[in-house]
PDB file of N, CA and C in Angstrom:
ATOM      1  N   MET A   1      38.606 -26.111  -8.686  1.00  0.00           N
ATOM      2  CA  MET A   1      38.792 -24.914  -8.051  1.00  0.00           C
ATOM      3  C   MET A   1      37.102 -24.359  -8.196  1.00  0.00           C
ATOM      4  N   ARG A   2      36.790 -23.514  -6.817  1.00  0.00           N
ATOM      5  CA  ARG A   2      35.641 -23.154  -6.682  1.00  0.00           C
ATOM      6  C   ARG A   2      35.393 -21.835  -7.388  1.00  0.00           C
ATOM      7  N   THR A   3      34.130 -21.646  -7.685  1.00  0.00           N
ATOM      8  CA  THR A   3      34.039 -20.235  -8.354  1.00  0.00           C
ATOM      9  C   THR A   3      33.344 -19.564  -7.067  1.00  0.00           C
ATOM     10  N   ARG A   4      33.769 -18.124  -7.061  1.00  0.00           N
ATOM     11  CA  ARG A   4      33.174 -17.498  -5.726  1.00  0.00           C
ATOM     12  C   ARG A   4      31.862 -17.136  -6.065  1.00  0.00           C
ATOM     13  N   HIS A   5      31.046 -17.041  -5.027  1.00  0.00           N
ATOM     14  CA  HIS A   5      29.415 -16.663  -5.042  1.00  0.00           C
ATOM     15  C   HIS A   5      29.452 -15.013  -5.236  1.00  0.00           C
ATOM     16  N   ILE A   6      28.791 -14.510  -5.977  1.00  0.00           N
ATOM     17  CA  ILE A   6      28.786 -13.082  -6.394  1.00  0.00           C
ATOM     18  C   ILE A   6      27.337 -12.808  -5.974  1.00  0.00           C
ATOM     19  N   PRO A   7      27.063 -11.812  -4.820  1.00  0.00           N
ATOM     20  CA  PRO A   7      25.817 -11.562  -4.481  1.00  0.00           C
ATOM     21  C   PRO A   7      25.157 -10.874  -5.527  1.00  0.00           C
ATOM     22  N   GLN A   8      23.845 -11.011  -5.650  1.00  0.00           N
ATOM     23  CA  GLN A   8      22.829 -10.278  -6.678  1.00  0.00           C
ATOM     24  C   GLN A   8      21.958  -9.633  -5.749  1.00  0.00           C
ATOM     25  N   ARG A   9      21.592  -8.373  -6.438  1.00  0.00           N
ATOM     26  CA  ARG A   9      20.460  -7.764  -6.054  1.00  0.00           C
ATOM     27  C   ARG A   9      19.629  -6.899  -6.843  1.00  0.00           C
ATOM     28  N   THR A  10      18.449  -6.512  -6.776  1.00  0.00           N
ATOM     29  CA  THR A  10      17.298  -5.603  -7.580  1.00  0.00           C
ATOM     30  C   THR A  10      17.389  -4.252  -7.614  1.00  0.00           C
ATOM     31  N   CYS A  11      17.548  -3.965  -8.617  1.00  0.00           N
ATOM     32  CA  CYS A  11      16.997  -2.289  -8.655  1.00  0.00           C
ATOM     33  C   CYS A  11      15.749  -2.205  -8.303  1.00  0.00           C
ATOM     34  N   VAL A  12      15.212  -1.004  -7.190  1.00  0.00           N
ATOM     35  CA  VAL A  12      13.977  -0.969  -6.963  1.00  0.00           C
ATOM     36  C   VAL A  12      13.146   0.011  -8.116  1.00  0.00           C
ATOM     37  N   GLN A  13      13.669   0.493  -8.765  1.00  0.00           N
ATOM     38  CA  GLN A  13      13.108   1.110 -10.238  1.00  0.00           C
ATOM     39  C   GLN A  13      12.865   0.283 -11.537  1.00  0.00           C
ATOM     40  N   CYS A  14      14.007  -0.024 -11.852  1.00  0.00           N
ATOM     41  CA  CYS A  14      13.721  -0.771 -13.210  1.00  0.00           C
ATOM     42  C   CYS A  14      13.721  -2.387 -13.179  1.00  0.00           C
ATOM     43  N   ARG A  15      13.578  -3.016 -11.840  1.00  0.00           N
ATOM     44  CA  ARG A  15      13.713  -4.026 -11.470  1.00  0.00           C
ATOM     45  C   ARG A  15      14.692  -5.261 -12.102  1.00  0.00           C
ATOM     46  N   GLN A  16      15.974  -4.649 -12.285  1.00  0.00           N
ATOM     47  CA  GLN A  16      17.268  -5.768 -13.095  1.00  0.00           C
ATOM     48  C   GLN A  16      17.849  -6.103 -11.989  1.00  0.00           C
ATOM     49  N   VAL A  17      18.094  -7.516 -11.998  1.00  0.00           N
ATOM     50  CA  VAL A  17      19.021  -8.147 -11.296  1.00  0.00           C
ATOM     51  C   VAL A  17      20.631  -7.781 -11.718  1.00  0.00           C
ATOM     52  N   GLN A  18      21.627  -7.586 -10.713  1.00  0.00           N
ATOM     53  CA  GLN A  18      22.784  -6.890 -11.355  1.00  0.00           C
ATOM     54  C   GLN A  18      23.822  -7.747  -9.899  1.00  0.00           C
ATOM     55  N   ASP A  19      25.057  -7.737 -10.311  1.00  0.00           N
ATOM     56  CA  ASP A  19      25.934  -7.938  -8.971  1.00  0.00           C
ATOM     57  C   ASP A  19      25.622  -6.743  -8.054  1.00  0.00           C
ATOM     58  N   LYS A  20      25.836  -7.276  -6.838  1.00  0.00           N
ATOM     59  CA  LYS A  20      25.636  -5.871  -5.922  1.00  0.00           C
ATOM     60  C   LYS A  20      26.506  -4.768  -5.900  1.00  0.00           C
ATOM     61  N   ARG A  21      28.026  -5.185  -6.375  1.00  0.00           N
ATOM     62  CA  ARG A  21      28.784  -4.084  -6.509  1.00  0.00           C
ATOM     63  C   ARG A  21      28.448  -2.959  -7.584  1.00  0.00           C
ATOM     64  N   ASN A  22      27.568  -3.544  -8.485  1.00  0.00           N
ATOM     65  CA  ASN A  22      27.180  -2.613  -9.914  1.00  0.00           C
ATOM     66  C   ASN A  22      25.859  -1.457  -9.359  1.00  0.00           C
ATOM     67  N   LEU A  23      25.531  -1.748  -8.215  1.00  0.00           N
ATOM     68  CA  LEU A  23      24.349  -1.027  -7.859  1.00  0.00           C
ATOM     69  C   LEU A  23      24.720  -0.086  -6.528  1.00  0.00           C
ATOM     70  N   VAL A  24      24.077   0.882  -6.262  1.00  0.00           N
ATOM     71  CA  VAL A  24      24.234   2.065  -5.131  1.00  0.00           C
ATOM     72  C   VAL A  24      23.213   1.793  -4.055  1.00  0.00           C
ATOM     73  N   ARG A  25      23.695   1.401  -2.939  1.00  0.00           N
ATOM     74  CA  ARG A  25      22.443   1.206  -1.516  1.00  0.00           C
ATOM     75  C   ARG A  25      22.139   2.422  -1.169  1.00  0.00           C
ATOM     76  N   LEU A  26      21.196   2.480  -0.806  1.00  0.00           N
ATOM     77  CA  LEU A  26      20.233   3.693  -0.102  1.00  0.00           C
ATOM     78  C   LEU A  26      20.042   3.188   1.191  1.00  0.00           C
ATOM     79  N   VAL A  27      20.252   3.732   2.284  1.00  0.00           N
ATOM     80  CA  VAL A  27      20.093   3.225   3.957  1.00  0.00           C
ATOM     81  C   VAL A  27      19.231   4.163   4.338  1.00  0.00           C
ATOM     82  N   HIS A  28      18.267   3.713   5.071  1.00  0.00           N
ATOM     83  CA  HIS A  28      17.147   4.137   5.912  1.00  0.00           C
ATOM     84  C   HIS A  28      17.510   3.973   7.283  1.00  0.00           C
ATOM     85  N   THR A  29      18.318   5.090   7.947  1.00  0.00           N
ATOM     86  CA  THR A  29      18.958   4.592   9.530  1.00  0.00           C
ATOM     87  C   THR A  29      18.062   4.326  10.660  1.00  0.00           C
ATOM     88  N   SER A  30      18.392   4.364  11.515  1.00  0.00           N
ATOM     89  CA  SER A  30      17.566   4.277  12.741  1.00  0.00           C
ATOM     90  C   SER A  30      17.471   5.500  13.536  1.00  0.00           C
ATOM     91  N   GLU A  31      18.215   6.486  12.965  1.00  0.00           N
ATOM     92  CA  GLU A  31      18.001   7.646  13.323  1.00  0.00           C
ATOM     93  C   GLU A  31      16.976   8.549  12.355  1.00  0.00           C
ATOM     94  N   GLY A  32      16.371   7.653  11.274  1.00  0.00           N
ATOM     95  CA  GLY A  32      15.402   8.370  10.581  1.00  0.00           C
ATOM     96  C   GLY A  32      16.230   9.169   9.235  1.00  0.00           C
ATOM     97  N   GLN A  33      17.218   9.139   9.091  1.00  0.00           N
ATOM     98  CA  GLN A  33      17.924   9.685   7.893  1.00  0.00           C
ATOM     99  C   GLN A  33      18.246   8.741   6.626  1.00  0.00           C
ATOM    100  N   LEU A  34      18.160   9.264   5.678  1.00  0.00           N
ATOM    101  CA  LEU A  34      18.482   8.586   4.146  1.00  0.00           C
ATOM    102  C   LEU A  34      20.107   8.901   3.613  1.00  0.00           C
ATOM    103  N   VAL A  35      20.644   7.710   3.723  1.00  0.00           N
ATOM    104  CA  VAL A  35      22.193   7.735   3.396  1.00  0.00           C
ATOM    105  C   VAL A  35      22.471   7.070   2.093  1.00  0.00           C
ATOM    106  N   ILE A  36      23.185   7.465   1.436  1.00  0.00           N
ATOM    107  CA  ILE A  36      23.848   7.033   0.300  1.00  0.00           C
ATOM    108  C   ILE A  36      24.964   6.071   0.880  1.00  0.00           C
ATOM    109  N   ASP A  37      24.924   4.831   0.567  1.00  0.00           N
ATOM    110  CA  ASP A  37      26.083   3.831   1.308  1.00  0.00           C
ATOM    111  C   ASP A  37      26.607   3.219   0.245  1.00  0.00           C
ATOM    112  N   GLU A  38      27.967   3.672  -0.261  1.00  0.00           N
ATOM    113  CA  GLU A  38      28.816   3.127  -1.272  1.00  0.00           C
ATOM    114  C   GLU A  38      29.354   1.788  -0.837  1.00  0.00           C
ATOM    115  N   SER A  39      29.636   1.654   0.255  1.00  0.00           N
ATOM    116  CA  SER A  39      30.371   0.610   0.948  1.00  0.00           C
ATOM    117  C   SER A  39      29.375  -0.488   0.699  1.00  0.00           C
ATOM    118  N   GLY A  40      27.788  -0.539   0.991  1.00  0.00           N
ATOM    119  CA  GLY A  40      27.140  -1.317   1.101  1.00  0.00           C
ATOM    120  C   GLY A  40      26.850  -2.130   2.363  1.00  0.00           C
ATOM    121  N   LYS A  41      27.445  -1.707   3.681  1.00  0.00           N
ATOM    122  CA  LYS A  41      27.433  -2.253   5.042  1.00  0.00           C
ATOM    123  C   LYS A  41      27.042  -1.761   6.001  1.00  0.00           C
ATOM    124  N   ARG A  42      26.632  -0.461   5.806  1.00  0.00           N
ATOM    125  CA  ARG A  42      25.724   0.438   6.942  1.00  0.00           C
ATOM    126  C   ARG A  42      24.530  -0.484   7.474  1.00  0.00           C
ATOM    127  N   ASN A  43      24.144  -0.296   8.780  1.00  0.00           N
ATOM    128  CA  ASN A  43      22.757  -0.808   9.420  1.00  0.00           C
ATOM    129  C   ASN A  43      21.748   0.112   8.835  1.00  0.00           C
ATOM    130  N   GLY A  44      20.602  -0.351   8.731  1.00  0.00           N
ATOM    131  CA  GLY A  44      19.567   0.045   8.414  1.00  0.00           C
ATOM    132  C   GLY A  44      18.688  -0.779   7.428  1.00  0.00           C
ATOM    133  N   ARG A  45      17.506  -0.429   6.666  1.00  0.00           N
ATOM    134  CA  ARG A  45      16.878  -0.938   5.951  1.00  0.00           C
ATOM    135  C   ARG A  45      17.442  -0.291   4.635  1.00  0.00           C
ATOM    136  N   GLY A  46      17.754  -1.157   3.582  1.00  0.00           N
ATOM    137  CA  GLY A  46      18.408  -0.692   2.485  1.00  0.00           C
ATOM    138  C   GLY A  46      17.609  -1.045   1.125  1.00  0.00           C
ATOM    139  N   ALA A  47      17.921  -0.347   0.050  1.00  0.00           N
ATOM    140  CA  ALA A  47      17.482  -0.466  -1.177  1.00  0.00           C
ATOM    141  C   ALA A  47      18.469   0.020  -2.283  1.00  0.00           C
ATOM    142  N   TYR A  48      18.223  -0.888  -3.399  1.00  0.00           N
ATOM    143  CA  TYR A  48      19.577  -0.652  -4.369  1.00  0.00           C
ATOM    144  C   TYR A  48      19.061   0.325  -5.874  1.00  0.00           C
ATOM    145  N   LEU A  49      19.674   1.185  -6.205  1.00  0.00           N
ATOM    146  CA  LEU A  49      19.244   1.298  -7.481  1.00  0.00           C
ATOM    147  C   LEU A  49      20.515   1.574  -8.556  1.00  0.00           C
ATOM    148  N   CYS A  50      19.959   1.051  -9.852  1.00  0.00           N
ATOM    149  CA  CYS A  50      21.159   1.243 -10.817  1.00  0.00           C
ATOM    150  C   CYS A  50      21.821   2.512 -10.857  1.00  0.00           C
ATOM    151  N   ARG A  51      23.302   2.490 -11.497  1.00  0.00           N
ATOM    152  CA  ARG A  51      23.913   3.553 -11.883  1.00  0.00           C
ATOM    153  C   ARG A  51      23.595   4.272 -13.131  1.00  0.00           C
ATOM    154  N   GLN A  52      22.221   4.133 -13.318  1.00  0.00           N
ATOM    155  CA  GLN A  52      21.737   5.031 -14.438  1.00  0.00           C
ATOM    156  C   GLN A  52      20.975   6.171 -14.174  1.00  0.00           C
ATOM    157  N   LYS A  53      21.123   7.289 -14.846  1.00  0.00           N
ATOM    158  CA  LYS A  53      20.368   8.311 -14.725  1.00  0.00           C
ATOM    159  C   LYS A  53      18.842   8.206 -14.566  1.00  0.00           C
ATOM    160  N   SER A  54      18.563   7.605 -15.422  1.00  0.00           N
ATOM    161  CA  SER A  54      16.826   7.436 -15.573  1.00  0.00           C
ATOM    162  C   SER A  54      16.456   6.676 -14.361  1.00  0.00           C
ATOM    163  N   CYS A  55      16.936   5.834 -13.687  1.00  0.00           N
ATOM    164  CA  CYS A  55      16.311   5.036 -12.360  1.00  0.00           C
ATOM    165  C   CYS A  55      16.537   6.141 -11.498  1.00  0.00           C
ATOM    166  N   TRP A  56      17.371   6.851 -11.027  1.00  0.00           N
ATOM    167  CA  TRP A  56      17.589   7.736 -10.179  1.00  0.00           C
ATOM    168  C   TRP A  56      16.700   8.929 -10.220  1.00  0.00           C
ATOM    169  N   GLU A  57      16.395   9.476 -11.724  1.00  0.00           N
ATOM    170  CA  GLU A  57      15.368  10.697 -11.778  1.00  0.00           C
ATOM    171  C   GLU A  57      13.732   9.912 -11.646  1.00  0.00           C
ATOM    172  N   THR A  58      13.359   8.840 -11.933  1.00  0.00           N
ATOM    173  CA  THR A  58      12.182   8.300 -11.804  1.00  0.00           C
ATOM    174  C   THR A  58      12.142   8.011 -10.460  1.00  0.00           C
ATOM    175  N   ALA A  59      13.005   7.490  -9.418  1.00  0.00           N
ATOM    176  CA  ALA A  59      12.931   7.294  -8.387  1.00  0.00           C
ATOM    177  C   ALA A  59      12.686   8.503  -7.388  1.00  0.00           C
ATOM    178  N   ILE A  60      13.481   9.554  -7.649  1.00  0.00           N
ATOM    179  CA  ILE A  60      13.342  11.020  -6.807  1.00  0.00           C
ATOM    180  C   ILE A  60      11.838  11.297  -7.056  1.00  0.00           C
ATOM    181  N   LYS A  61      11.409  10.934  -8.276  1.00  0.00           N
ATOM    182  CA  LYS A  61      10.229  11.799  -8.351  1.00  0.00           C
ATOM    183  C   LYS A  61       8.752  11.033  -7.922  1.00  0.00           C
ATOM    184  N   GLY A  62       9.071   9.545  -8.345  1.00  0.00           N
ATOM    185  CA  GLY A  62       8.196   8.546  -7.802  1.00  0.00           C
ATOM    186  C   GLY A  62       8.054   8.037  -6.274  1.00  0.00           C
ATOM    187  N   GLU A  63       7.161   7.021  -5.986  1.00  0.00           N
ATOM    188  CA  GLU A  63       7.057   6.712  -4.622  1.00  0.00           C
ATOM    189  C   GLU A  63       7.527   5.395  -4.710  1.00  0.00           C
ATOM    190  N   GLN A  64       8.085   4.685  -5.437  1.00  0.00           N
ATOM    191  CA  GLN A  64       8.765   3.181  -5.140  1.00  0.00           C
ATOM    192  C   GLN A  64       9.948   2.999  -4.188  1.00  0.00           C
ATOM    193  N   LEU A  65      10.627   4.309  -4.276  1.00  0.00           N
ATOM    194  CA  LEU A  65      11.943   4.118  -3.267  1.00  0.00           C
ATOM    195  C   LEU A  65      11.432   4.415  -1.955  1.00  0.00           C
ATOM    196  N   SER A  66      10.404   5.284  -1.490  1.00  0.00           N
ATOM    197  CA  SER A  66       9.863   5.431  -0.386  1.00  0.00           C
ATOM    198  C   SER A  66       9.002   4.387  -0.005  1.00  0.00           C
ATOM    199  N   LYS A  67       8.553   3.428  -0.740  1.00  0.00           N
ATOM    200  CA  LYS A  67       7.949   2.151  -0.317  1.00  0.00           C
ATOM    201  C   LYS A  67       8.852   1.097  -0.158  1.00  0.00           C
ATOM    202  N   ALA A  68      10.106   0.904  -0.869  1.00  0.00           N
ATOM    203  CA  ALA A  68      11.211  -0.261  -0.539  1.00  0.00           C
ATOM    204  C   ALA A  68      11.968   0.452   1.018  1.00  0.00           C
ATOM    205  N   LEU A  69      11.804   1.771   1.237  1.00  0.00           N
ATOM    206  CA  LEU A  69      12.762   2.048   2.467  1.00  0.00           C
ATOM    207  C   LEU A  69      11.862   2.277   3.523  1.00  0.00           C
ATOM    208  N   ARG A  70      10.431   2.276   3.350  1.00  0.00           N
ATOM    209  CA  ARG A  70       9.399   2.389   4.339  1.00  0.00           C
ATOM    210  C   ARG A  70       9.759   3.735   5.141  1.00  0.00           C
ATOM    211  N   MET A  71      10.031   4.710   4.503  1.00  0.00           N
ATOM    212  CA  MET A  71      10.154   6.346   4.885  1.00  0.00           C
ATOM    213  C   MET A  71       9.318   7.055   3.974  1.00  0.00           C
ATOM    214  N   GLU A  72       9.173   8.406   4.557  1.00  0.00           N
ATOM    215  CA  GLU A  72       8.768   9.442   3.636  1.00  0.00           C
ATOM    216  C   GLU A  72      10.144  10.141   3.306  1.00  0.00           C
ATOM    217  N   ILE A  73      10.245  10.399   1.870  1.00  0.00           N
ATOM    218  CA  ILE A  73      11.403  10.967   1.582  1.00  0.00           C
ATOM    219  C   ILE A  73      11.145  12.892   1.379  1.00  0.00           C
ATOM    220  N   GLY A  74      11.542  13.328   2.236  1.00  0.00           N
ATOM    221  CA  GLY A  74      11.605  14.876   2.289  1.00  0.00           C
ATOM    222  C   GLY A  74      12.279  15.806   1.543  1.00  0.00           C
ATOM    223  N   GLN A  75      12.337  17.205   1.369  1.00  0.00           N
ATOM    224  CA  GLN A  75      13.086  17.873   0.323  1.00  0.00           C
ATOM    225  C   GLN A  75      14.578  17.854   0.604  1.00  0.00           C
ATOM    226  N   ASP A  76      15.022  17.374   1.648  1.00  0.00           N
ATOM    227  CA  ASP A  76      16.585  17.415   2.061  1.00  0.00           C
ATOM    228  C   ASP A  76      17.065  16.254   1.911  1.00  0.00           C
ATOM    229  N   GLU A  77      16.315  15.111   1.943  1.00  0.00           N
ATOM    230  CA  GLU A  77      16.783  13.784   1.305  1.00  0.00           C
ATOM    231  C   GLU A  77      16.816  13.921  -0.113  1.00  0.00           C
ATOM    232  N   LYS A  78      15.730  14.582  -0.934  1.00  0.00           N
ATOM    233  CA  LYS A  78      15.911  14.621  -2.439  1.00  0.00           C
ATOM    234  C   LYS A  78      16.915  15.555  -3.072  1.00  0.00           C
ATOM    235  N   ARG A  79      17.342  16.352  -2.135  1.00  0.00           N
ATOM    236  CA  ARG A  79      18.360  17.429  -2.273  1.00  0.00           C
ATOM    237  C   ARG A  79      19.649  16.503  -2.582  1.00  0.00           C
ATOM    238  N   VAL A  80      19.878  15.343  -1.694  1.00  0.00           N
ATOM    239  CA  VAL A  80      20.980  14.831  -1.595  1.00  0.00           C
ATOM    240  C   VAL A  80      20.918  13.744  -2.414  1.00  0.00           C
ATOM    241  N   LEU A  81      19.870  13.160  -2.899  1.00  0.00           N
ATOM    242  CA  LEU A  81      19.819  12.175  -4.375  1.00  0.00           C
ATOM    243  C   LEU A  81      19.959  13.003  -5.517  1.00  0.00           C
ATOM    244  N   GLN A  82      19.638  14.160  -5.584  1.00  0.00           N
ATOM    245  CA  GLN A  82      19.850  14.939  -7.029  1.00  0.00           C
ATOM    246  C   GLN A  82      21.434  14.976  -6.664  1.00  0.00           C
ATOM    247  N   GLU A  83      22.039  15.820  -5.802  1.00  0.00           N
ATOM    248  CA  GLU A  83      23.380  16.131  -6.208  1.00  0.00           C
ATOM    249  C   GLU A  83      23.961  14.620  -6.591  1.00  0.00           C
ATOM    250  N   PHE A  84      23.731  13.551  -5.862  1.00  0.00           N
ATOM    251  CA  PHE A  84      24.446  11.969  -6.499  1.00  0.00           C
ATOM    252  C   PHE A  84      23.999  12.175  -7.787  1.00  0.00           C
ATOM    253  N   LEU A  85      22.707  12.290  -8.174  1.00  0.00           N
ATOM    254  CA  LEU A  85      22.288  11.891  -9.592  1.00  0.00           C
ATOM    255  C   LEU A  85      23.074  12.711 -10.605  1.00  0.00           C
ATOM    256  N   SER A  86      23.644  13.990 -10.266  1.00  0.00           N
ATOM    257  CA  SER A  86      24.321  14.906 -11.209  1.00  0.00           C
ATOM    258  C   SER A  86      25.751  14.306 -11.232  1.00  0.00           C
ATOM    259  N   ALA A  87      26.516  13.488 -10.301  1.00  0.00           N
ATOM    260  CA  ALA A  87      27.576  13.208 -10.327  1.00  0.00           C
ATOM    261  C   ALA A  87      27.874  11.778 -11.255  1.00  0.00           C
ATOM    262  N   LEU A  88      26.479  11.086 -11.377  1.00  0.00           N
ATOM    263  CA  LEU A  88      26.488   9.915 -12.168  1.00  0.00           C
ATOM    264  C   LEU A  88      27.066  10.199 -13.622  1.00  0.00           C
ATOM    265  N   PRO A  89      27.878   9.351 -14.615  1.00  0.00           N
ATOM    266  CA  PRO A  89      27.877   9.345 -15.906  1.00  0.00           C
ATOM    267  C   PRO A  89      26.652   9.421 -16.599  1.00  0.00           C
ATOM    268  N   GLU A  90      26.837   9.755 -17.837  1.00  0.00           N
ATOM    269  CA  GLU A  90      25.649   9.768 -18.801  1.00  0.00           C
ATOM    270  C   GLU A  90      25.532   8.077 -19.075  1.00  0.00           C
TER     271      GLU A  90
END
């Protein structure tokens, strides 16, 4: 019996490698928008973050996420990220 391959991805903030399903994908779309992609299948440049509040808080404040997505993150995008952060469990 073959074991199934589980895709691995790295959180851009804490640099921990985890299963793709345990991370949240953020996408810089061709229209220039920042979208939270729960399905992990949208087109565009993607970056992954853990489901930990500490990673999200430092990603919103810092520049690492902007570099990974190759875009400037404005106030509207930060507001969307902050809303998703507030929904994360402790």
